[in-house]
Amino acid sequence: MSRVAAALALLASFGLTACAASREAATRAANPPQGQFVTVGGTRLHVVVAGQGPDLVLIHGASGSGRDMTFDLLGRLSDRYRVIVPDRPGFGYSDALPGGGTLRQQADLLADLAVELGADRPLVVGHSYGGSVALAWAVHRPQNAAGLVTLAGASHPWDGDLSLFYRVTSSAVGRAVAVPAITALVPEGTVSGMVESVFAPQTEPEGYAEYFGPLMSASRKTLAANAQQRATLSDELAVQSRQYPVIDLPVEVLHGDADTTVGLEIHARPLSREVPGARLTVLPGVGHMPHHADPEAVVAVIDRAAARAGLR
C-alpha cells in the first residue's frame, strides 16, 4: 500500500471512530440509565431494582438490554416481587467482560450482583441467550438460586455454521474495522427493522422501539460483546447441557411453538426431559418473544415457579 493510500485509510478509520463515538453519545443522551450502578469484581453493572417481596432476577437476551424486561414485564411483577433487572455485561450501560464473557462468567457475575443487592437466593428468569445464562447460574451457583424459569431459552447446541456477520464482528479485525463502521453508518431504520423481526409472527408492541432504543444495540461495545458471546454459544451449550440432569431446583420451561430463532424441539423439549422435575409450557402460535406476546402466561409460569420454590 502506498503512503498516500495508508494515510487515507488511517484518516477514514479516525473519521469512522469519531462518527461512532458521536452517535453513541447521542444515543445515550436519548436513552439515559433507568437504574443504579453497582461494581462487582471490578465490573460496573447497571441494574434496575423495583418492588417488594421475594427476589426475582430477569435476564435479557442477545443484542438487547434490561429495557426489554422493564418495558412491560417488570410492571406486571413488581407488585409482589422485588424485581432485579440487570443489563448483561457488555449491554446497555454495563461494562463488558474480556472476550465478551462465557456463560459461567456472566452467571457468576450476575449471581454476585444479586448477593450484593441482598438477594442471596432469587428466582432466576432468563429469555433467549439470557436463558443460557440462567441455566449456567443453576448449574454453577445453585446455592444462590431458589428456582429457574427459561423463556424461549437457548439450552442445547445446534447444527449449522456461524453466520458471516458474526464471523466478521467476533474477529479481532472485525471488531477493529467493521464494528466501528456499523456503529457509525448503519441506518436507524435498519436496526429497528431487525428488532421488529424478532417478534414474528407477532408484531412489535406499540411504543416498544422508542422505549427500547434500538441504536443502543448498535454501539461498538454491544456489537463486539454480542458477537463474541454468540460465536461461542453453541460450543458452550454442548458442554453445559451435560450437567442439566444434576440441577436440583424447581425449573419451569416456557417456549412458543412458532419460535424460529430458538427452536422448541432443539432446546425446550430436551431441556424439559433432562432436568429432573422440569415442567414445559408450550404456547401455540407464539414466536421468540413470549413475554410480550403472552405476558399473562409468562407471569403465571413465574408465579408457579415461585410457589414451587417456596417463595409464595
C-alpha atoms as a PDB file:
ATOM      1  CA  MET A   1       0.000   0.000   0.000  1.00  0.00           C
ATOM      2  CA  SER A   2       1.354   3.445  -0.903  1.00  0.00           C
ATOM      3  CA  ARG A   3       1.914   6.062   1.787  1.00  0.00           C
ATOM      4  CA  VAL A   4      -0.950   8.117   0.391  1.00  0.00           C
ATOM      5  CA  ALA A   5      -3.346   5.166   0.467  1.00  0.00           C
ATOM      6  CA  ALA A   6      -2.234   4.271   4.013  1.00  0.00           C
ATOM      7  CA  ALA A   7      -2.774   7.854   5.135  1.00  0.00           C
ATOM      8  CA  LEU A   8      -6.226   7.930   3.581  1.00  0.00           C
ATOM      9  CA  ALA A   9      -7.122   4.643   5.267  1.00  0.00           C
ATOM     10  CA  LEU A  10      -5.936   5.998   8.602  1.00  0.00           C
ATOM     11  CA  LEU A  11      -7.963   9.171   8.169  1.00  0.00           C
ATOM     12  CA  ALA A  12     -11.035   7.140   7.252  1.00  0.00           C
ATOM     13  CA  SER A  13     -10.556   4.995  10.360  1.00  0.00           C
ATOM     14  CA  PHE A  14     -10.297   8.082  12.571  1.00  0.00           C
ATOM     15  CA  GLY A  15     -13.374   9.519  10.905  1.00  0.00           C
ATOM     16  CA  LEU A  16     -15.427   6.378  11.496  1.00  0.00           C
ATOM     17  CA  THR A  17     -14.297   6.225  15.125  1.00  0.00           C
ATOM     18  CA  ALA A  18     -15.237   9.848  15.708  1.00  0.00           C
ATOM     19  CA  CYS A  19     -18.589   9.375  13.995  1.00  0.00           C
ATOM     20  CA  ALA A  20     -19.284   6.207  16.010  1.00  0.00           C
ATOM     21  CA  ALA A  21     -18.430   7.970  19.276  1.00  0.00           C
ATOM     22  CA  SER A  22     -20.661  10.932  18.408  1.00  0.00           C
ATOM     23  CA  ARG A  23     -23.567   8.670  17.515  1.00  0.00           C
ATOM     24  CA  GLU A  24     -23.142   6.647  20.717  1.00  0.00           C
ATOM     25  CA  ALA A  25     -23.184   9.838  22.790  1.00  0.00           C
ATOM     26  CA  ALA A  26     -26.399  10.998  21.133  1.00  0.00           C
ATOM     27  CA  THR A  27     -27.994   7.576  21.663  1.00  0.00           C
ATOM     28  CA  ARG A  28     -27.053   7.558  25.359  1.00  0.00           C
ATOM     29  CA  ALA A  29     -28.475  11.049  25.796  1.00  0.00           C
ATOM     30  CA  ALA A  30     -31.776   9.898  24.272  1.00  0.00           C
ATOM     31  CA  ASN A  31     -31.818   6.700  26.387  1.00  0.00           C
ATOM     32  CA  PRO A  32     -30.397   7.543  29.833  1.00  0.00           C
ATOM     33  CA  PRO A  33     -29.838   4.928  32.558  1.00  0.00           C
ATOM     34  CA  GLN A  34     -33.015   3.846  34.332  1.00  0.00           C
ATOM     35  CA  GLY A  35     -31.437   2.348  37.436  1.00  0.00           C
ATOM     36  CA  GLN A  36     -28.314   2.300  39.576  1.00  0.00           C
ATOM     37  CA  PHE A  37     -24.708   1.245  39.104  1.00  0.00           C
ATOM     38  CA  VAL A  38     -23.062  -1.476  41.172  1.00  0.00           C
ATOM     39  CA  THR A  39     -19.442  -2.560  40.773  1.00  0.00           C
ATOM     40  CA  VAL A  40     -18.909  -6.301  41.204  1.00  0.00           C
ATOM     41  CA  GLY A  41     -15.436  -7.809  40.944  1.00  0.00           C
ATOM     42  CA  GLY A  42     -14.207  -4.725  39.113  1.00  0.00           C
ATOM     43  CA  THR A  43     -17.053  -4.762  36.551  1.00  0.00           C
ATOM     44  CA  ARG A  44     -19.514  -1.878  36.661  1.00  0.00           C
ATOM     45  CA  LEU A  45     -23.073  -3.098  36.095  1.00  0.00           C
ATOM     46  CA  HIS A  46     -26.281  -1.188  35.514  1.00  0.00           C
ATOM     47  CA  VAL A  47     -29.357  -2.611  37.253  1.00  0.00           C
ATOM     48  CA  VAL A  48     -32.972  -1.631  37.867  1.00  0.00           C
ATOM     49  CA  VAL A  49     -34.490  -2.731  41.180  1.00  0.00           C
ATOM     50  CA  ALA A  50     -38.217  -2.285  41.818  1.00  0.00           C
ATOM     51  CA  GLY A  51     -40.972  -3.674  44.039  1.00  0.00           C
ATOM     52  CA  GLN A  52     -41.117  -5.597  47.294  1.00  0.00           C
ATOM     53  CA  GLY A  53     -41.411  -9.294  48.053  1.00  0.00           C
ATOM     54  CA  PRO A  54     -39.418 -12.407  47.128  1.00  0.00           C
ATOM     55  CA  ASP A  55     -36.380 -11.666  44.990  1.00  0.00           C
ATOM     56  CA  LEU A  56     -36.679 -12.204  41.245  1.00  0.00           C
ATOM     57  CA  VAL A  57     -33.957 -11.655  38.626  1.00  0.00           C
ATOM     58  CA  LEU A  58     -34.891 -11.055  34.961  1.00  0.00           C
ATOM     59  CA  ILE A  59     -32.067 -11.669  32.449  1.00  0.00           C
ATOM     60  CA  HIS A  60     -32.491 -10.270  28.941  1.00  0.00           C
ATOM     61  CA  GLY A  61     -31.420 -11.923  25.700  1.00  0.00           C
ATOM     62  CA  ALA A  62     -28.934 -11.153  22.925  1.00  0.00           C
ATOM     63  CA  SER A  63     -28.486  -7.728  21.322  1.00  0.00           C
ATOM     64  CA  GLY A  64     -30.695  -6.038  23.901  1.00  0.00           C
ATOM     65  CA  SER A  65     -30.652  -4.650  27.416  1.00  0.00           C
ATOM     66  CA  GLY A  66     -32.701  -4.695  30.573  1.00  0.00           C
ATOM     67  CA  ARG A  67     -35.126  -2.321  28.857  1.00  0.00           C
ATOM     68  CA  ASP A  68     -36.672  -5.344  27.128  1.00  0.00           C
ATOM     69  CA  MET A  69     -37.728  -6.587  30.570  1.00  0.00           C
ATOM     70  CA  THR A  70     -38.691  -3.216  32.058  1.00  0.00           C
ATOM     71  CA  PHE A  71     -40.931  -2.264  29.114  1.00  0.00           C
ATOM     72  CA  ASP A  72     -43.873  -4.390  30.334  1.00  0.00           C
ATOM     73  CA  LEU A  73     -42.918  -7.442  32.395  1.00  0.00           C
ATOM     74  CA  LEU A  74     -41.423  -5.517  35.313  1.00  0.00           C
ATOM     75  CA  GLY A  75     -44.701  -3.714  35.940  1.00  0.00           C
ATOM     76  CA  ARG A  76     -46.623  -6.989  35.989  1.00  0.00           C
ATOM     77  CA  LEU A  77     -44.369  -8.436  38.700  1.00  0.00           C
ATOM     78  CA  SER A  78     -43.211  -5.598  40.961  1.00  0.00           C
ATOM     79  CA  ASP A  79     -46.443  -5.570  42.981  1.00  0.00           C
ATOM     80  CA  ARG A  80     -45.430  -8.836  44.665  1.00  0.00           C
ATOM     81  CA  TYR A  81     -41.738  -9.396  43.911  1.00  0.00           C
ATOM     82  CA  ARG A  82     -38.567  -7.429  44.396  1.00  0.00           C
ATOM     83  CA  VAL A  83     -37.503  -7.455  40.763  1.00  0.00           C
ATOM     84  CA  ILE A  84     -33.845  -7.100  39.770  1.00  0.00           C
ATOM     85  CA  VAL A  85     -33.218  -6.323  36.086  1.00  0.00           C
ATOM     86  CA  PRO A  86     -29.538  -6.044  35.101  1.00  0.00           C
ATOM     87  CA  ASP A  87     -28.003  -5.116  31.800  1.00  0.00           C
ATOM     88  CA  ARG A  88     -25.866  -8.156  30.989  1.00  0.00           C
ATOM     89  CA  PRO A  89     -22.118  -7.486  30.681  1.00  0.00           C
ATOM     90  CA  GLY A  90     -21.436  -5.538  27.501  1.00  0.00           C
ATOM     91  CA  PHE A  91     -25.055  -4.452  27.017  1.00  0.00           C
ATOM     92  CA  GLY A  92     -26.941  -1.304  27.899  1.00  0.00           C
ATOM     93  CA  TYR A  93     -24.892   0.573  30.475  1.00  0.00           C
ATOM     94  CA  SER A  94     -22.955  -2.404  31.873  1.00  0.00           C
ATOM     95  CA  ASP A  95     -19.228  -2.855  31.271  1.00  0.00           C
ATOM     96  CA  ALA A  96     -18.132  -5.685  29.013  1.00  0.00           C
ATOM     97  CA  LEU A  97     -16.129  -8.693  30.152  1.00  0.00           C
ATOM     98  CA  PRO A  98     -12.911  -9.633  28.336  1.00  0.00           C
ATOM     99  CA  GLY A  99     -13.763 -11.709  25.288  1.00  0.00           C
ATOM    100  CA  GLY A 100     -17.457 -10.999  25.840  1.00  0.00           C
ATOM    101  CA  GLY A 101     -17.669 -13.320  28.835  1.00  0.00           C
ATOM    102  CA  THR A 102     -18.556 -17.011  28.945  1.00  0.00           C
ATOM    103  CA  LEU A 103     -21.935 -18.198  30.172  1.00  0.00           C
ATOM    104  CA  ARG A 104     -20.400 -19.169  33.500  1.00  0.00           C
ATOM    105  CA  GLN A 105     -18.566 -15.859  33.882  1.00  0.00           C
ATOM    106  CA  GLN A 106     -21.779 -13.952  33.241  1.00  0.00           C
ATOM    107  CA  ALA A 107     -23.781 -16.168  35.589  1.00  0.00           C
ATOM    108  CA  ASP A 108     -21.202 -15.769  38.356  1.00  0.00           C
ATOM    109  CA  LEU A 109     -21.144 -12.006  37.878  1.00  0.00           C
ATOM    110  CA  LEU A 110     -24.942 -11.670  37.964  1.00  0.00           C
ATOM    111  CA  ALA A 111     -25.219 -14.020  40.948  1.00  0.00           C
ATOM    112  CA  ASP A 112     -22.634 -11.895  42.771  1.00  0.00           C
ATOM    113  CA  LEU A 113     -24.601  -8.782  41.801  1.00  0.00           C
ATOM    114  CA  ALA A 114     -27.768 -10.299  43.280  1.00  0.00           C
ATOM    115  CA  VAL A 115     -25.944 -11.145  46.508  1.00  0.00           C
ATOM    116  CA  GLU A 116     -24.555  -7.594  46.635  1.00  0.00           C
ATOM    117  CA  LEU A 117     -28.158  -6.354  46.415  1.00  0.00           C
ATOM    118  CA  GLY A 118     -29.229  -8.648  49.255  1.00  0.00           C
ATOM    119  CA  ALA A 119     -30.784 -11.333  47.038  1.00  0.00           C
ATOM    120  CA  ASP A 120     -28.990 -14.492  48.177  1.00  0.00           C
ATOM    121  CA  ARG A 121     -31.467 -16.959  46.600  1.00  0.00           C
ATOM    122  CA  PRO A 122     -33.613 -15.265  43.953  1.00  0.00           C
ATOM    123  CA  LEU A 123     -35.870 -16.890  41.400  1.00  0.00           C
ATOM    124  CA  VAL A 124     -33.893 -16.560  38.146  1.00  0.00           C
ATOM    125  CA  VAL A 125     -35.711 -15.910  34.846  1.00  0.00           C
ATOM    126  CA  GLY A 126     -33.855 -15.777  31.522  1.00  0.00           C
ATOM    127  CA  HIS A 127     -35.024 -15.043  27.990  1.00  0.00           C
ATOM    128  CA  SER A 128     -33.251 -16.431  24.889  1.00  0.00           C
ATOM    129  CA  TYR A 129     -29.482 -16.052  25.462  1.00  0.00           C
ATOM    130  CA  GLY A 130     -30.423 -14.939  28.957  1.00  0.00           C
ATOM    131  CA  GLY A 131     -31.935 -18.384  29.394  1.00  0.00           C
ATOM    132  CA  SER A 132     -28.490 -19.861  28.678  1.00  0.00           C
ATOM    133  CA  VAL A 133     -27.014 -17.630  31.383  1.00  0.00           C
ATOM    134  CA  ALA A 134     -29.814 -18.578  33.798  1.00  0.00           C
ATOM    135  CA  LEU A 135     -29.071 -22.253  33.172  1.00  0.00           C
ATOM    136  CA  ALA A 136     -25.364 -21.624  33.855  1.00  0.00           C
ATOM    137  CA  TRP A 137     -26.469 -19.971  37.119  1.00  0.00           C
ATOM    138  CA  ALA A 138     -28.480 -23.087  38.047  1.00  0.00           C
ATOM    139  CA  VAL A 139     -25.571 -25.388  37.161  1.00  0.00           C
ATOM    140  CA  HIS A 140     -22.722 -23.464  38.787  1.00  0.00           C
ATOM    141  CA  ARG A 141     -24.375 -21.350  41.501  1.00  0.00           C
ATOM    142  CA  PRO A 142     -27.354 -23.421  42.728  1.00  0.00           C
ATOM    143  CA  GLN A 143     -26.761 -22.219  46.299  1.00  0.00           C
ATOM    144  CA  ASN A 144     -27.669 -18.725  45.069  1.00  0.00           C
ATOM    145  CA  ALA A 145     -30.913 -19.633  43.280  1.00  0.00           C
ATOM    146  CA  ALA A 146     -34.362 -20.617  44.540  1.00  0.00           C
ATOM    147  CA  GLY A 147     -35.623 -21.727  41.132  1.00  0.00           C
ATOM    148  CA  LEU A 148     -35.331 -21.198  37.403  1.00  0.00           C
ATOM    149  CA  VAL A 149     -37.573 -20.118  34.516  1.00  0.00           C
ATOM    150  CA  THR A 150     -36.461 -20.110  30.871  1.00  0.00           C
ATOM    151  CA  LEU A 151     -38.411 -18.098  28.289  1.00  0.00           C
ATOM    152  CA  ALA A 152     -37.570 -19.175  24.730  1.00  0.00           C
ATOM    153  CA  GLY A 153     -34.218 -20.088  26.223  1.00  0.00           C
ATOM    154  CA  ALA A 154     -31.263 -21.465  24.269  1.00  0.00           C
ATOM    155  CA  SER A 155     -30.181 -24.610  26.104  1.00  0.00           C
ATOM    156  CA  HIS A 156     -28.524 -27.011  23.632  1.00  0.00           C
ATOM    157  CA  PRO A 157     -26.053 -26.954  20.732  1.00  0.00           C
ATOM    158  CA  TRP A 158     -27.382 -26.910  17.178  1.00  0.00           C
ATOM    159  CA  ASP A 159     -26.162 -27.761  13.690  1.00  0.00           C
ATOM    160  CA  GLY A 160     -25.024 -25.073  11.291  1.00  0.00           C
ATOM    161  CA  ASP A 161     -22.126 -22.691  10.794  1.00  0.00           C
ATOM    162  CA  LEU A 162     -21.798 -19.279  12.375  1.00  0.00           C
ATOM    163  CA  SER A 163     -23.180 -16.587  10.069  1.00  0.00           C
ATOM    164  CA  LEU A 164     -20.793 -14.370   8.123  1.00  0.00           C
ATOM    165  CA  PHE A 165     -21.894 -11.342  10.161  1.00  0.00           C
ATOM    166  CA  TYR A 166     -20.860 -12.958  13.455  1.00  0.00           C
ATOM    167  CA  ARG A 167     -17.698 -14.452  11.972  1.00  0.00           C
ATOM    168  CA  VAL A 168     -16.605 -10.964  10.976  1.00  0.00           C
ATOM    169  CA  THR A 169     -17.747  -8.987  14.027  1.00  0.00           C
ATOM    170  CA  SER A 170     -16.375 -11.531  16.521  1.00  0.00           C
ATOM    171  CA  SER A 171     -12.882 -11.454  14.977  1.00  0.00           C
ATOM    172  CA  ALA A 172     -10.161  -9.070  16.108  1.00  0.00           C
ATOM    173  CA  VAL A 173     -10.035  -7.386  12.695  1.00  0.00           C
ATOM    174  CA  GLY A 174     -13.811  -7.168  12.528  1.00  0.00           C
ATOM    175  CA  ARG A 175     -14.014  -5.539  15.965  1.00  0.00           C
ATOM    176  CA  ALA A 176     -11.381  -3.024  14.924  1.00  0.00           C
ATOM    177  CA  VAL A 177     -12.786  -2.180  11.481  1.00  0.00           C
ATOM    178  CA  ALA A 178     -16.283  -3.498  10.794  1.00  0.00           C
ATOM    179  CA  VAL A 179     -17.820  -2.792  14.199  1.00  0.00           C
ATOM    180  CA  PRO A 180     -16.979   0.958  14.239  1.00  0.00           C
ATOM    181  CA  ALA A 181     -18.209   1.221  10.644  1.00  0.00           C
ATOM    182  CA  ILE A 182     -21.536  -0.391  11.556  1.00  0.00           C
ATOM    183  CA  THR A 183     -21.951   1.856  14.592  1.00  0.00           C
ATOM    184  CA  ALA A 184     -21.177   4.945  12.566  1.00  0.00           C
ATOM    185  CA  LEU A 185     -23.099   4.190   9.390  1.00  0.00           C
ATOM    186  CA  VAL A 186     -25.965   1.708   9.894  1.00  0.00           C
ATOM    187  CA  PRO A 187     -29.342   3.436   9.358  1.00  0.00           C
ATOM    188  CA  GLU A 188     -31.547   3.526  12.437  1.00  0.00           C
ATOM    189  CA  GLY A 189     -34.391   2.084  10.359  1.00  0.00           C
ATOM    190  CA  THR A 190     -32.291  -0.987   9.588  1.00  0.00           C
ATOM    191  CA  VAL A 191     -31.657  -1.640  13.281  1.00  0.00           C
ATOM    192  CA  SER A 192     -35.313  -1.016  14.131  1.00  0.00           C
ATOM    193  CA  GLY A 193     -36.363  -3.447  11.409  1.00  0.00           C
ATOM    194  CA  MET A 194     -34.078  -6.133  12.806  1.00  0.00           C
ATOM    195  CA  VAL A 195     -35.537  -5.652  16.285  1.00  0.00           C
ATOM    196  CA  GLU A 196     -39.090  -5.793  14.923  1.00  0.00           C
ATOM    197  CA  SER A 197     -38.378  -9.026  13.037  1.00  0.00           C
ATOM    198  CA  VAL A 198     -37.543 -10.841  16.286  1.00  0.00           C
ATOM    199  CA  PHE A 199     -41.214 -10.604  17.316  1.00  0.00           C
ATOM    200  CA  ALA A 200     -42.506 -12.616  14.329  1.00  0.00           C
ATOM    201  CA  PRO A 201     -45.104 -13.979  13.857  1.00  0.00           C
ATOM    202  CA  GLN A 202     -46.376 -11.420  16.377  1.00  0.00           C
ATOM    203  CA  THR A 203     -45.901  -7.686  15.894  1.00  0.00           C
ATOM    204  CA  GLU A 204     -43.775  -5.381  17.966  1.00  0.00           C
ATOM    205  CA  PRO A 205     -45.784  -3.770  20.811  1.00  0.00           C
ATOM    206  CA  GLU A 206     -46.756  -0.148  20.326  1.00  0.00           C
ATOM    207  CA  GLY A 207     -44.138   2.163  21.792  1.00  0.00           C
ATOM    208  CA  TYR A 208     -41.543  -0.597  22.188  1.00  0.00           C
ATOM    209  CA  ALA A 209     -38.982   0.732  19.701  1.00  0.00           C
ATOM    210  CA  GLU A 210     -38.992   4.227  21.193  1.00  0.00           C
ATOM    211  CA  TYR A 211     -38.641   2.811  24.691  1.00  0.00           C
ATOM    212  CA  PHE A 212     -36.055   0.150  23.828  1.00  0.00           C
ATOM    213  CA  GLY A 213     -33.703   2.465  21.931  1.00  0.00           C
ATOM    214  CA  PRO A 214     -32.600   0.221  19.031  1.00  0.00           C
ATOM    215  CA  LEU A 215     -29.361   2.124  18.408  1.00  0.00           C
ATOM    216  CA  MET A 216     -28.179   1.143  21.909  1.00  0.00           C
ATOM    217  CA  SER A 217     -27.740  -2.322  20.371  1.00  0.00           C
ATOM    218  CA  ALA A 218     -25.505  -0.853  17.661  1.00  0.00           C
ATOM    219  CA  SER A 219     -22.863   0.598  19.973  1.00  0.00           C
ATOM    220  CA  ARG A 220     -19.329  -0.689  19.479  1.00  0.00           C
ATOM    221  CA  LYS A 221     -19.264  -2.252  22.940  1.00  0.00           C
ATOM    222  CA  THR A 222     -22.530  -4.134  22.455  1.00  0.00           C
ATOM    223  CA  LEU A 223     -21.854  -5.252  18.878  1.00  0.00           C
ATOM    224  CA  ALA A 224     -18.495  -6.699  19.928  1.00  0.00           C
ATOM    225  CA  ALA A 225     -19.759  -8.365  23.122  1.00  0.00           C
ATOM    226  CA  ASN A 226     -22.806  -9.812  21.380  1.00  0.00           C
ATOM    227  CA  ALA A 227     -20.723 -11.214  18.515  1.00  0.00           C
ATOM    228  CA  GLN A 228     -18.152 -12.783  20.825  1.00  0.00           C
ATOM    229  CA  GLN A 229     -20.854 -14.357  23.000  1.00  0.00           C
ATOM    230  CA  ARG A 230     -22.797 -15.622  20.002  1.00  0.00           C
ATOM    231  CA  ALA A 231     -19.680 -17.086  18.385  1.00  0.00           C
ATOM    232  CA  THR A 232     -19.041 -19.457  21.315  1.00  0.00           C
ATOM    233  CA  LEU A 233     -22.618 -20.164  22.425  1.00  0.00           C
ATOM    234  CA  SER A 234     -23.289 -23.491  20.704  1.00  0.00           C
ATOM    235  CA  ASP A 235     -19.973 -24.960  21.853  1.00  0.00           C
ATOM    236  CA  GLU A 236     -20.552 -23.741  25.403  1.00  0.00           C
ATOM    237  CA  LEU A 237     -24.044 -25.269  25.445  1.00  0.00           C
ATOM    238  CA  ALA A 238     -22.650 -28.583  24.220  1.00  0.00           C
ATOM    239  CA  VAL A 239     -20.648 -28.759  27.451  1.00  0.00           C
ATOM    240  CA  GLN A 240     -23.182 -27.116  29.753  1.00  0.00           C
ATOM    241  CA  SER A 241     -26.096 -29.320  28.658  1.00  0.00           C
ATOM    242  CA  ARG A 242     -24.338 -32.423  30.005  1.00  0.00           C
ATOM    243  CA  GLN A 243     -24.860 -31.048  33.500  1.00  0.00           C
ATOM    244  CA  TYR A 244     -28.626 -30.419  33.321  1.00  0.00           C
ATOM    245  CA  PRO A 245     -29.510 -33.765  34.961  1.00  0.00           C
ATOM    246  CA  VAL A 246     -27.811 -32.593  38.182  1.00  0.00           C
ATOM    247  CA  ILE A 247     -29.924 -29.420  38.502  1.00  0.00           C
ATOM    248  CA  ASP A 248     -31.854 -29.745  41.754  1.00  0.00           C
ATOM    249  CA  LEU A 249     -34.119 -26.692  41.608  1.00  0.00           C
ATOM    250  CA  PRO A 250     -37.730 -26.073  40.584  1.00  0.00           C
ATOM    251  CA  VAL A 251     -37.489 -25.417  36.842  1.00  0.00           C
ATOM    252  CA  GLU A 252     -40.175 -24.075  34.504  1.00  0.00           C
ATOM    253  CA  VAL A 253     -39.557 -24.065  30.743  1.00  0.00           C
ATOM    254  CA  LEU A 254     -41.769 -21.858  28.552  1.00  0.00           C
ATOM    255  CA  HIS A 255     -41.490 -21.753  24.761  1.00  0.00           C
ATOM    256  CA  GLY A 256     -43.599 -20.779  21.757  1.00  0.00           C
ATOM    257  CA  ASP A 257     -44.082 -23.392  19.035  1.00  0.00           C
ATOM    258  CA  ALA A 258     -43.691 -20.727  16.323  1.00  0.00           C
ATOM    259  CA  ASP A 259     -40.221 -19.670  17.511  1.00  0.00           C
ATOM    260  CA  THR A 260     -37.864 -19.804  14.523  1.00  0.00           C
ATOM    261  CA  THR A 261     -34.975 -18.143  16.382  1.00  0.00           C
ATOM    262  CA  VAL A 262     -34.557 -20.688  19.185  1.00  0.00           C
ATOM    263  CA  GLY A 263     -36.355 -23.855  18.154  1.00  0.00           C
ATOM    264  CA  LEU A 264     -38.700 -25.607  20.575  1.00  0.00           C
ATOM    265  CA  GLU A 265     -37.622 -29.113  19.512  1.00  0.00           C
ATOM    266  CA  ILE A 266     -33.883 -28.365  19.745  1.00  0.00           C
ATOM    267  CA  HIS A 267     -33.988 -26.575  23.080  1.00  0.00           C
ATOM    268  CA  ALA A 268     -37.077 -26.590  25.306  1.00  0.00           C
ATOM    269  CA  ARG A 269     -38.233 -30.172  24.794  1.00  0.00           C
ATOM    270  CA  PRO A 270     -34.890 -31.844  25.522  1.00  0.00           C
ATOM    271  CA  LEU A 271     -34.291 -29.442  28.414  1.00  0.00           C
ATOM    272  CA  SER A 272     -37.612 -30.376  29.992  1.00  0.00           C
ATOM    273  CA  ARG A 273     -36.705 -34.058  29.703  1.00  0.00           C
ATOM    274  CA  GLU A 274     -33.172 -33.729  31.061  1.00  0.00           C
ATOM    275  CA  VAL A 275     -33.805 -31.571  34.140  1.00  0.00           C
ATOM    276  CA  PRO A 276     -35.461 -33.623  36.886  1.00  0.00           C
ATOM    277  CA  GLY A 277     -38.951 -32.297  37.620  1.00  0.00           C
ATOM    278  CA  ALA A 278     -38.860 -29.607  34.941  1.00  0.00           C
ATOM    279  CA  ARG A 279     -42.263 -28.518  33.615  1.00  0.00           C
ATOM    280  CA  LEU A 280     -42.719 -27.453  29.999  1.00  0.00           C
ATOM    281  CA  THR A 281     -45.336 -24.919  28.867  1.00  0.00           C
ATOM    282  CA  VAL A 282     -45.774 -24.581  25.099  1.00  0.00           C
ATOM    283  CA  LEU A 283     -47.569 -21.500  23.775  1.00  0.00           C
ATOM    284  CA  PRO A 284     -49.289 -22.225  20.412  1.00  0.00           C
ATOM    285  CA  GLY A 285     -48.525 -19.750  17.643  1.00  0.00           C
ATOM    286  CA  VAL A 286     -46.108 -17.721  19.757  1.00  0.00           C
ATOM    287  CA  GLY A 287     -42.686 -16.744  18.463  1.00  0.00           C
ATOM    288  CA  HIS A 288     -39.448 -15.752  20.152  1.00  0.00           C
ATOM    289  CA  MET A 289     -40.803 -13.016  22.439  1.00  0.00           C
ATOM    290  CA  PRO A 290     -43.339 -14.773  24.694  1.00  0.00           C
ATOM    291  CA  HIS A 291     -43.068 -12.178  27.471  1.00  0.00           C
ATOM    292  CA  HIS A 292     -44.531  -9.668  25.021  1.00  0.00           C
ATOM    293  CA  ALA A 293     -46.800 -11.999  23.029  1.00  0.00           C
ATOM    294  CA  ASP A 294     -48.458 -13.600  26.066  1.00  0.00           C
ATOM    295  CA  PRO A 295     -47.245 -11.869  29.244  1.00  0.00           C
ATOM    296  CA  GLU A 296     -50.068 -13.310  31.357  1.00  0.00           C
ATOM    297  CA  ALA A 297     -48.897 -16.849  30.569  1.00  0.00           C
ATOM    298  CA  VAL A 298     -45.331 -15.860  31.424  1.00  0.00           C
ATOM    299  CA  VAL A 299     -46.374 -14.309  34.737  1.00  0.00           C
ATOM    300  CA  ALA A 300     -48.391 -17.439  35.580  1.00  0.00           C
ATOM    301  CA  VAL A 301     -45.334 -19.642  34.976  1.00  0.00           C
ATOM    302  CA  ILE A 302     -43.149 -17.339  37.097  1.00  0.00           C
ATOM    303  CA  ASP A 303     -45.710 -17.453  39.905  1.00  0.00           C
ATOM    304  CA  ARG A 304     -45.820 -21.251  39.689  1.00  0.00           C
ATOM    305  CA  ALA A 305     -42.024 -21.477  39.881  1.00  0.00           C
ATOM    306  CA  ALA A 306     -42.053 -19.149  42.884  1.00  0.00           C
ATOM    307  CA  ALA A 307     -44.661 -21.301  44.600  1.00  0.00           C
ATOM    308  CA  ARG A 308     -42.682 -24.477  43.869  1.00  0.00           C
ATOM    309  CA  ALA A 309     -39.601 -22.782  45.326  1.00  0.00           C
ATOM    310  CA  GLY A 310     -41.495 -21.846  48.490  1.00  0.00           C
ATOM    311  CA  LEU A 311     -41.268 -18.117  47.765  1.00  0.00           C
ATOM    312  CA  ARG A 312     -45.041 -17.596  47.577  1.00  0.00           C
END
